[in-house]
């Protein structure tokens, strides 16, 4: 299973693509969510704003759980500054 966590706009975009999503605004809340749900999801997409704030913790989780993917994606707000192809990101990570 896959999920995206992050700001409301980015989560809504991923939901339009058929993903499960959870709006999370704080890095602490995101880290808690990831740790509690790591067994539930194979791939967790995390907006870059949150991922930057918890980079060290995410790296530790990645090392301990090599079969789980924690993928950083630009938030929609960041994407407005440059073009971001979210569908391409998803295809690269999940295949297809």
PDB file of N, CA and C in Angstrom:
ATOM      1  N   UNK A   1       0.836  -1.185   0.000  1.00  0.00           N
ATOM      2  CA  UNK A   1       0.000   0.000   0.000  1.00  0.00           C
ATOM      3  C   UNK A   1       0.877   1.244   0.000  1.00  0.00           C
ATOM      4  N   UNK A   2       0.312   2.334  -0.500  1.00  0.00           N
ATOM      5  CA  UNK A   2       1.039   3.603  -0.585  1.00  0.00           C
ATOM      6  C   UNK A   2       0.188   4.715   0.020  1.00  0.00           C
ATOM      7  N   UNK A   3       0.874   5.729   0.501  1.00  0.00           N
ATOM      8  CA  UNK A   3       0.203   6.893   1.060  1.00  0.00           C
ATOM      9  C   UNK A   3       1.097   8.112   0.832  1.00  0.00           C
ATOM     10  N   UNK A   4       0.472   9.261   0.768  1.00  0.00           N
ATOM     11  CA  UNK A   4       1.219  10.515   0.733  1.00  0.00           C
ATOM     12  C   UNK A   4       0.862  11.289   1.993  1.00  0.00           C
ATOM     13  N   UNK A   5       1.889  11.879   2.618  1.00  0.00           N
ATOM     14  CA  UNK A   5       1.648  12.720   3.786  1.00  0.00           C
ATOM     15  C   UNK A   5       2.278  14.079   3.531  1.00  0.00           C
ATOM     16  N   UNK A   6       1.576  15.102   3.989  1.00  0.00           N
ATOM     17  CA  UNK A   6       2.081  16.453   3.800  1.00  0.00           C
ATOM     18  C   UNK A   6       0.971  17.478   3.821  1.00  0.00           C
ATOM     19  N   UNK A   7       1.212  18.585   3.142  1.00  0.00           N
ATOM     20  CA  UNK A   7       0.252  19.684   3.154  1.00  0.00           C
ATOM     21  C   UNK A   7      -1.042  19.296   2.430  1.00  0.00           C
ATOM     22  N   UNK A   8      -2.091  20.021   2.743  1.00  0.00           N
ATOM     23  CA  UNK A   8      -3.432  19.716   2.249  1.00  0.00           C
ATOM     24  C   UNK A   8      -3.510  19.689   0.723  1.00  0.00           C
ATOM     25  N   UNK A   9      -2.869  20.624   0.060  1.00  0.00           N
ATOM     26  CA  UNK A   9      -2.943  20.720  -1.398  1.00  0.00           C
ATOM     27  C   UNK A   9      -2.260  19.539  -2.076  1.00  0.00           C
ATOM     28  N   UNK A  10      -1.079  19.186  -1.617  1.00  0.00           N
ATOM     29  CA  UNK A  10      -0.356  18.065  -2.208  1.00  0.00           C
ATOM     30  C   UNK A  10      -1.089  16.751  -1.954  1.00  0.00           C
ATOM     31  N   UNK A  11      -1.600  16.572  -0.757  1.00  0.00           N
ATOM     32  CA  UNK A  11      -2.367  15.360  -0.438  1.00  0.00           C
ATOM     33  C   UNK A  11      -3.591  15.275  -1.343  1.00  0.00           C
ATOM     34  N   UNK A  12      -4.287  16.389  -1.547  1.00  0.00           N
ATOM     35  CA  UNK A  12      -5.470  16.394  -2.419  1.00  0.00           C
ATOM     36  C   UNK A  12      -5.105  16.001  -3.850  1.00  0.00           C
ATOM     37  N   UNK A  13      -3.978  16.487  -4.352  1.00  0.00           N
ATOM     38  CA  UNK A  13      -3.528  16.133  -5.703  1.00  0.00           C
ATOM     39  C   UNK A  13      -3.282  14.631  -5.813  1.00  0.00           C
ATOM     40  N   UNK A  14      -2.593  14.064  -4.846  1.00  0.00           N
ATOM     41  CA  UNK A  14      -2.325  12.629  -4.880  1.00  0.00           C
ATOM     42  C   UNK A  14      -3.606  11.812  -4.727  1.00  0.00           C
ATOM     43  N   UNK A  15      -4.548  12.319  -3.959  1.00  0.00           N
ATOM     44  CA  UNK A  15      -5.836  11.624  -3.835  1.00  0.00           C
ATOM     45  C   UNK A  15      -6.552  11.581  -5.183  1.00  0.00           C
ATOM     46  N   UNK A  16      -6.411  12.636  -5.968  1.00  0.00           N
ATOM     47  CA  UNK A  16      -6.992  12.641  -7.313  1.00  0.00           C
ATOM     48  C   UNK A  16      -6.368  11.569  -8.196  1.00  0.00           C
ATOM     49  N   UNK A  17      -5.132  11.194  -7.901  1.00  0.00           N
ATOM     50  CA  UNK A  17      -4.455  10.136  -8.655  1.00  0.00           C
ATOM     51  C   UNK A  17      -4.736   8.755  -8.059  1.00  0.00           C
ATOM     52  N   UNK A  18      -5.589   8.700  -7.034  1.00  0.00           N
ATOM     53  CA  UNK A  18      -5.983   7.424  -6.466  1.00  0.00           C
ATOM     54  C   UNK A  18      -5.225   6.987  -5.230  1.00  0.00           C
ATOM     55  N   UNK A  19      -4.431   7.866  -4.668  1.00  0.00           N
ATOM     56  CA  UNK A  19      -3.650   7.528  -3.484  1.00  0.00           C
ATOM     57  C   UNK A  19      -4.426   7.796  -2.211  1.00  0.00           C
ATOM     58  N   UNK A  20      -4.038   7.067  -1.195  1.00  0.00           N
ATOM     59  CA  UNK A  20      -4.489   7.398   0.140  1.00  0.00           C
ATOM     60  C   UNK A  20      -3.625   8.571   0.591  1.00  0.00           C
ATOM     61  N   UNK A  21      -4.171   9.432   1.426  1.00  0.00           N
ATOM     62  CA  UNK A  21      -3.393  10.579   1.869  1.00  0.00           C
ATOM     63  C   UNK A  21      -3.759  11.020   3.266  1.00  0.00           C
ATOM     64  N   UNK A  22      -2.822  11.667   3.922  1.00  0.00           N
ATOM     65  CA  UNK A  22      -3.040  12.204   5.259  1.00  0.00           C
ATOM     66  C   UNK A  22      -2.386  13.578   5.325  1.00  0.00           C
ATOM     67  N   UNK A  23      -3.208  14.559   5.640  1.00  0.00           N
ATOM     68  CA  UNK A  23      -2.689  15.913   5.794  1.00  0.00           C
ATOM     69  C   UNK A  23      -1.957  16.019   7.122  1.00  0.00           C
ATOM     70  N   UNK A  24      -0.694  16.385   7.031  1.00  0.00           N
ATOM     71  CA  UNK A  24       0.161  16.543   8.205  1.00  0.00           C
ATOM     72  C   UNK A  24       0.974  17.810   7.988  1.00  0.00           C
ATOM     73  N   UNK A  25       0.945  18.679   8.953  1.00  0.00           N
ATOM     74  CA  UNK A  25       1.649  19.950   8.808  1.00  0.00           C
ATOM     75  C   UNK A  25       2.968  20.011   9.566  1.00  0.00           C
ATOM     76  N   UNK A  26       3.105  19.255  10.648  1.00  0.00           N
ATOM     77  CA  UNK A  26       4.329  19.377  11.440  1.00  0.00           C
ATOM     78  C   UNK A  26       5.244  18.175  11.228  1.00  0.00           C
ATOM     79  N   UNK A  27       6.546  18.405  11.227  1.00  0.00           N
ATOM     80  CA  UNK A  27       7.505  17.318  11.089  1.00  0.00           C
ATOM     81  C   UNK A  27       7.381  16.275  12.204  1.00  0.00           C
ATOM     82  N   UNK A  28       7.104  16.723  13.412  1.00  0.00           N
ATOM     83  CA  UNK A  28       6.976  15.804  14.538  1.00  0.00           C
ATOM     84  C   UNK A  28       5.798  14.857  14.328  1.00  0.00           C
ATOM     85  N   UNK A  29       4.675  15.400  13.871  1.00  0.00           N
ATOM     86  CA  UNK A  29       3.487  14.592  13.603  1.00  0.00           C
ATOM     87  C   UNK A  29       3.769  13.596  12.472  1.00  0.00           C
ATOM     88  N   UNK A  30       4.503  14.038  11.462  1.00  0.00           N
ATOM     89  CA  UNK A  30       4.849  13.158  10.345  1.00  0.00           C
ATOM     90  C   UNK A  30       5.722  12.000  10.810  1.00  0.00           C
ATOM     91  N   UNK A  31       6.714  12.292  11.619  1.00  0.00           N
ATOM     92  CA  UNK A  31       7.611  11.248  12.118  1.00  0.00           C
ATOM     93  C   UNK A  31       6.843  10.231  12.955  1.00  0.00           C
ATOM     94  N   UNK A  32       5.962  10.707  13.802  1.00  0.00           N
ATOM     95  CA  UNK A  32       5.141   9.815  14.619  1.00  0.00           C
ATOM     96  C   UNK A  32       4.266   8.930  13.725  1.00  0.00           C
ATOM     97  N   UNK A  33       3.632   9.526  12.713  1.00  0.00           N
ATOM     98  CA  UNK A  33       2.779   8.785  11.788  1.00  0.00           C
ATOM     99  C   UNK A  33       3.580   7.700  11.062  1.00  0.00           C
ATOM    100  N   UNK A  34       4.742   8.052  10.568  1.00  0.00           N
ATOM    101  CA  UNK A  34       5.584   7.097   9.830  1.00  0.00           C
ATOM    102  C   UNK A  34       5.964   5.921  10.724  1.00  0.00           C
ATOM    103  N   UNK A  35       6.419   6.210  11.922  1.00  0.00           N
ATOM    104  CA  UNK A  35       6.839   5.141  12.832  1.00  0.00           C
ATOM    105  C   UNK A  35       5.675   4.219  13.191  1.00  0.00           C
ATOM    106  N   UNK A  36       4.499   4.792  13.391  1.00  0.00           N
ATOM    107  CA  UNK A  36       3.335   3.993  13.776  1.00  0.00           C
ATOM    108  C   UNK A  36       2.780   3.171  12.615  1.00  0.00           C
ATOM    109  N   UNK A  37       2.964   3.652  11.378  1.00  0.00           N
ATOM    110  CA  UNK A  37       2.330   3.003  10.234  1.00  0.00           C
ATOM    111  C   UNK A  37       3.318   2.353   9.259  1.00  0.00           C
ATOM    112  N   UNK A  38       4.547   2.223   9.652  1.00  0.00           N
ATOM    113  CA  UNK A  38       5.563   1.677   8.757  1.00  0.00           C
ATOM    114  C   UNK A  38       5.230   0.256   8.305  1.00  0.00           C
ATOM    115  N   UNK A  39       4.602  -0.521   9.168  1.00  0.00           N
ATOM    116  CA  UNK A  39       4.230  -1.884   8.789  1.00  0.00           C
ATOM    117  C   UNK A  39       3.031  -1.915   7.838  1.00  0.00           C
ATOM    118  N   UNK A  40       2.261  -0.847   7.799  1.00  0.00           N
ATOM    119  CA  UNK A  40       1.059  -0.789   6.961  1.00  0.00           C
ATOM    120  C   UNK A  40       1.383  -0.446   5.515  1.00  0.00           C
ATOM    121  N   UNK A  41       2.346   0.437   5.295  1.00  0.00           N
ATOM    122  CA  UNK A  41       2.624   0.961   3.957  1.00  0.00           C
ATOM    123  C   UNK A  41       3.992   0.522   3.445  1.00  0.00           C
ATOM    124  N   UNK A  42       4.047   0.181   2.156  1.00  0.00           N
ATOM    125  CA  UNK A  42       5.316  -0.152   1.509  1.00  0.00           C
ATOM    126  C   UNK A  42       6.021   1.102   1.010  1.00  0.00           C
ATOM    127  N   UNK A  43       5.213   2.091   0.589  1.00  0.00           N
ATOM    128  CA  UNK A  43       5.751   3.345   0.065  1.00  0.00           C
ATOM    129  C   UNK A  43       5.033   4.500   0.758  1.00  0.00           C
ATOM    130  N   UNK A  44       5.822   5.412   1.298  1.00  0.00           N
ATOM    131  CA  UNK A  44       5.276   6.627   1.897  1.00  0.00           C
ATOM    132  C   UNK A  44       5.916   7.804   1.178  1.00  0.00           C
ATOM    133  N   UNK A  45       5.079   8.584   0.495  1.00  0.00           N
ATOM    134  CA  UNK A  45       5.529   9.816  -0.145  1.00  0.00           C
ATOM    135  C   UNK A  45       5.403  10.925   0.894  1.00  0.00           C
ATOM    136  N   UNK A  46       6.460  11.724   1.039  1.00  0.00           N
ATOM    137  CA  UNK A  46       6.505  12.786   2.037  1.00  0.00           C
ATOM    138  C   UNK A  46       6.867  14.084   1.339  1.00  0.00           C
ATOM    139  N   UNK A  47       6.134  15.133   1.616  1.00  0.00           N
ATOM    140  CA  UNK A  47       6.471  16.408   0.990  1.00  0.00           C
ATOM    141  C   UNK A  47       7.844  16.868   1.482  1.00  0.00           C
ATOM    142  N   UNK A  48       8.561  17.514   0.592  1.00  0.00           N
ATOM    143  CA  UNK A  48       9.952  17.875   0.872  1.00  0.00           C
ATOM    144  C   UNK A  48      10.101  18.824   2.050  1.00  0.00           C
ATOM    145  N   UNK A  49       9.141  19.690   2.267  1.00  0.00           N
ATOM    146  CA  UNK A  49       9.227  20.626   3.395  1.00  0.00           C
ATOM    147  C   UNK A  49       9.303  19.855   4.713  1.00  0.00           C
ATOM    148  N   UNK A  50       8.482  18.833   4.841  1.00  0.00           N
ATOM    149  CA  UNK A  50       8.503  18.019   6.051  1.00  0.00           C
ATOM    150  C   UNK A  50       9.749  17.137   6.081  1.00  0.00           C
ATOM    151  N   UNK A  51      10.060  16.526   4.947  1.00  0.00           N
ATOM    152  CA  UNK A  51      11.208  15.617   4.885  1.00  0.00           C
ATOM    153  C   UNK A  51      12.512  16.320   5.267  1.00  0.00           C
ATOM    154  N   UNK A  52      12.672  17.567   4.849  1.00  0.00           N
ATOM    155  CA  UNK A  52      13.899  18.303   5.180  1.00  0.00           C
ATOM    156  C   UNK A  52      14.064  18.470   6.688  1.00  0.00           C
ATOM    157  N   UNK A  53      12.955  18.657   7.371  1.00  0.00           N
ATOM    158  CA  UNK A  53      13.011  18.894   8.815  1.00  0.00           C
ATOM    159  C   UNK A  53      13.334  17.635   9.611  1.00  0.00           C
ATOM    160  N   UNK A  54      13.070  16.460   9.025  1.00  0.00           N
ATOM    161  CA  UNK A  54      13.311  15.206   9.745  1.00  0.00           C
ATOM    162  C   UNK A  54      14.244  14.281   8.953  1.00  0.00           C
ATOM    163  N   UNK A  55      15.114  14.874   8.162  1.00  0.00           N
ATOM    164  CA  UNK A  55      16.004  14.112   7.278  1.00  0.00           C
ATOM    165  C   UNK A  55      16.792  13.036   8.018  1.00  0.00           C
ATOM    166  N   UNK A  56      17.399  13.384   9.139  1.00  0.00           N
ATOM    167  CA  UNK A  56      18.219  12.432   9.883  1.00  0.00           C
ATOM    168  C   UNK A  56      17.380  11.230  10.330  1.00  0.00           C
ATOM    169  N   UNK A  57      16.207  11.482  10.868  1.00  0.00           N
ATOM    170  CA  UNK A  57      15.329  10.414  11.327  1.00  0.00           C
ATOM    171  C   UNK A  57      14.851   9.548  10.161  1.00  0.00           C
ATOM    172  N   UNK A  58      14.553  10.175   9.023  1.00  0.00           N
ATOM    173  CA  UNK A  58      14.130   9.417   7.843  1.00  0.00           C
ATOM    174  C   UNK A  58      15.252   8.512   7.347  1.00  0.00           C
ATOM    175  N   UNK A  59      16.475   9.022   7.351  1.00  0.00           N
ATOM    176  CA  UNK A  59      17.620   8.207   6.933  1.00  0.00           C
ATOM    177  C   UNK A  59      17.800   6.993   7.846  1.00  0.00           C
ATOM    178  N   UNK A  60      17.608   7.185   9.133  1.00  0.00           N
ATOM    179  CA  UNK A  60      17.716   6.073  10.077  1.00  0.00           C
ATOM    180  C   UNK A  60      16.616   5.038   9.824  1.00  0.00           C
ATOM    181  N   UNK A  61      15.404   5.499   9.569  1.00  0.00           N
ATOM    182  CA  UNK A  61      14.291   4.583   9.270  1.00  0.00           C
ATOM    183  C   UNK A  61      14.582   3.823   7.986  1.00  0.00           C
ATOM    184  N   UNK A  62      15.114   4.502   6.986  1.00  0.00           N
ATOM    185  CA  UNK A  62      15.454   3.843   5.712  1.00  0.00           C
ATOM    186  C   UNK A  62      16.496   2.747   5.914  1.00  0.00           C
ATOM    187  N   UNK A  63      17.500   3.028   6.728  1.00  0.00           N
ATOM    188  CA  UNK A  63      18.564   2.042   6.961  1.00  0.00           C
ATOM    189  C   UNK A  63      18.028   0.815   7.697  1.00  0.00           C
ATOM    190  N   UNK A  64      17.136   1.025   8.632  1.00  0.00           N
ATOM    191  CA  UNK A  64      16.588  -0.089   9.412  1.00  0.00           C
ATOM    192  C   UNK A  64      15.504  -0.870   8.662  1.00  0.00           C
ATOM    193  N   UNK A  65      14.911  -0.253   7.636  1.00  0.00           N
ATOM    194  CA  UNK A  65      13.792  -0.863   6.916  1.00  0.00           C
ATOM    195  C   UNK A  65      14.026  -0.784   5.407  1.00  0.00           C
ATOM    196  N   UNK A  66      14.984  -1.564   4.895  1.00  0.00           N
ATOM    197  CA  UNK A  66      15.352  -1.434   3.487  1.00  0.00           C
ATOM    198  C   UNK A  66      14.239  -1.821   2.499  1.00  0.00           C
ATOM    199  N   UNK A  67      13.230  -2.514   2.955  1.00  0.00           N
ATOM    200  CA  UNK A  67      12.124  -2.902   2.056  1.00  0.00           C
ATOM    201  C   UNK A  67      11.026  -1.858   1.988  1.00  0.00           C
ATOM    202  N   UNK A  68      11.160  -0.809   2.751  1.00  0.00           N
ATOM    203  CA  UNK A  68      10.177   0.278   2.751  1.00  0.00           C
ATOM    204  C   UNK A  68      10.759   1.468   1.999  1.00  0.00           C
ATOM    205  N   UNK A  69       9.917   2.142   1.232  1.00  0.00           N
ATOM    206  CA  UNK A  69      10.362   3.325   0.503  1.00  0.00           C
ATOM    207  C   UNK A  69       9.764   4.571   1.133  1.00  0.00           C
ATOM    208  N   UNK A  70      10.608   5.498   1.497  1.00  0.00           N
ATOM    209  CA  UNK A  70      10.205   6.815   1.964  1.00  0.00           C
ATOM    210  C   UNK A  70      10.673   7.781   0.892  1.00  0.00           C
ATOM    211  N   UNK A  71       9.725   8.313   0.123  1.00  0.00           N
ATOM    212  CA  UNK A  71      10.054   9.091  -1.058  1.00  0.00           C
ATOM    213  C   UNK A  71       9.671  10.552  -0.843  1.00  0.00           C
ATOM    214  N   UNK A  72      10.640  11.415  -1.029  1.00  0.00           N
ATOM    215  CA  UNK A  72      10.403  12.855  -0.909  1.00  0.00           C
ATOM    216  C   UNK A  72       9.861  13.393  -2.226  1.00  0.00           C
ATOM    217  N   UNK A  73       8.770  14.164  -2.150  1.00  0.00           N
ATOM    218  CA  UNK A  73       8.193  14.797  -3.333  1.00  0.00           C
ATOM    219  C   UNK A  73       8.007  16.287  -3.041  1.00  0.00           C
ATOM    220  N   UNK A  74       8.166  17.116  -4.072  1.00  0.00           N
ATOM    221  CA  UNK A  74       7.926  18.547  -3.859  1.00  0.00           C
ATOM    222  C   UNK A  74       6.462  18.787  -3.530  1.00  0.00           C
ATOM    223  N   UNK A  75       6.195  19.702  -2.630  1.00  0.00           N
ATOM    224  CA  UNK A  75       4.801  20.053  -2.364  1.00  0.00           C
ATOM    225  C   UNK A  75       4.278  20.851  -3.554  1.00  0.00           C
ATOM    226  N   UNK A  76       2.982  20.921  -3.679  1.00  0.00           N
ATOM    227  CA  UNK A  76       2.384  21.656  -4.790  1.00  0.00           C
ATOM    228  C   UNK A  76       2.819  23.116  -4.743  1.00  0.00           C
ATOM    229  N   UNK A  77       2.903  23.693  -3.545  1.00  0.00           N
ATOM    230  CA  UNK A  77       3.339  25.087  -3.433  1.00  0.00           C
ATOM    231  C   UNK A  77       4.752  25.270  -3.981  1.00  0.00           C
ATOM    232  N   UNK A  78       5.638  24.329  -3.695  1.00  0.00           N
ATOM    233  CA  UNK A  78       6.995  24.398  -4.228  1.00  0.00           C
ATOM    234  C   UNK A  78       6.987  24.180  -5.731  1.00  0.00           C
ATOM    235  N   UNK A  79       6.084  23.322  -6.193  1.00  0.00           N
ATOM    236  CA  UNK A  79       5.979  23.019  -7.611  1.00  0.00           C
ATOM    237  C   UNK A  79       5.555  24.204  -8.446  1.00  0.00           C
ATOM    238  N   UNK A  80       4.950  25.193  -7.822  1.00  0.00           N
ATOM    239  CA  UNK A  80       4.520  26.378  -8.568  1.00  0.00           C
ATOM    240  C   UNK A  80       5.718  27.199  -9.027  1.00  0.00           C
ATOM    241  N   UNK A  81       6.836  27.034  -8.340  1.00  0.00           N
ATOM    242  CA  UNK A  81       8.053  27.751  -8.720  1.00  0.00           C
ATOM    243  C   UNK A  81       8.730  27.106  -9.921  1.00  0.00           C
ATOM    244  N   UNK A  82       8.499  25.816 -10.090  1.00  0.00           N
ATOM    245  CA  UNK A  82       9.059  25.084 -11.225  1.00  0.00           C
ATOM    246  C   UNK A  82       8.080  23.978 -11.579  1.00  0.00           C
ATOM    247  N   UNK A  83       8.193  23.480 -12.783  1.00  0.00           N
ATOM    248  CA  UNK A  83       7.265  22.441 -13.227  1.00  0.00           C
ATOM    249  C   UNK A  83       7.632  21.097 -12.593  1.00  0.00           C
ATOM    250  N   UNK A  84       6.628  20.430 -12.034  1.00  0.00           N
ATOM    251  CA  UNK A  84       6.828  19.123 -11.411  1.00  0.00           C
ATOM    252  C   UNK A  84       5.832  18.155 -12.027  1.00  0.00           C
ATOM    253  N   UNK A  85       6.327  17.037 -12.516  1.00  0.00           N
ATOM    254  CA  UNK A  85       5.470  16.007 -13.088  1.00  0.00           C
ATOM    255  C   UNK A  85       5.285  14.911 -12.030  1.00  0.00           C
ATOM    256  N   UNK A  86       4.211  15.034 -11.257  1.00  0.00           N
ATOM    257  CA  UNK A  86       3.971  14.096 -10.167  1.00  0.00           C
ATOM    258  C   UNK A  86       3.706  12.687 -10.685  1.00  0.00           C
ATOM    259  N   UNK A  87       3.017  12.578 -11.795  1.00  0.00           N
ATOM    260  CA  UNK A  87       2.727  11.268 -12.371  1.00  0.00           C
ATOM    261  C   UNK A  87       4.023  10.552 -12.737  1.00  0.00           C
ATOM    262  N   UNK A  88       4.980  11.293 -13.287  1.00  0.00           N
ATOM    263  CA  UNK A  88       6.266  10.704 -13.617  1.00  0.00           C
ATOM    264  C   UNK A  88       7.002  10.221 -12.363  1.00  0.00           C
ATOM    265  N   UNK A  89       6.943  10.991 -11.309  1.00  0.00           N
ATOM    266  CA  UNK A  89       7.573  10.592 -10.040  1.00  0.00           C
ATOM    267  C   UNK A  89       6.959   9.282  -9.554  1.00  0.00           C
ATOM    268  N   UNK A  90       5.645   9.211  -9.567  1.00  0.00           N
ATOM    269  CA  UNK A  90       4.950   8.014  -9.104  1.00  0.00           C
ATOM    270  C   UNK A  90       5.328   6.811  -9.972  1.00  0.00           C
ATOM    271  N   UNK A  91       5.354   6.999 -11.274  1.00  0.00           N
ATOM    272  CA  UNK A  91       5.723   5.903 -12.177  1.00  0.00           C
ATOM    273  C   UNK A  91       7.140   5.414 -11.931  1.00  0.00           C
ATOM    274  N   UNK A  92       8.065   6.337 -11.694  1.00  0.00           N
ATOM    275  CA  UNK A  92       9.446   5.947 -11.437  1.00  0.00           C
ATOM    276  C   UNK A  92       9.576   5.132 -10.154  1.00  0.00           C
ATOM    277  N   UNK A  93       8.789   5.500  -9.151  1.00  0.00           N
ATOM    278  CA  UNK A  93       8.884   4.820  -7.871  1.00  0.00           C
ATOM    279  C   UNK A  93       8.138   3.486  -7.882  1.00  0.00           C
ATOM    280  N   UNK A  94       6.939   3.498  -8.449  1.00  0.00           N
ATOM    281  CA  UNK A  94       6.087   2.309  -8.377  1.00  0.00           C
ATOM    282  C   UNK A  94       6.147   1.437  -9.628  1.00  0.00           C
ATOM    283  N   UNK A  95       6.723   1.965 -10.700  1.00  0.00           N
ATOM    284  CA  UNK A  95       6.749   1.235 -11.964  1.00  0.00           C
ATOM    285  C   UNK A  95       5.449   1.455 -12.721  1.00  0.00           C
ATOM    286  N   UNK A  96       5.468   1.128 -14.006  1.00  0.00           N
ATOM    287  CA  UNK A  96       4.244   1.286 -14.805  1.00  0.00           C
ATOM    288  C   UNK A  96       4.302   2.490 -15.554  1.00  0.00           C
TER     289      UNK A  96
END
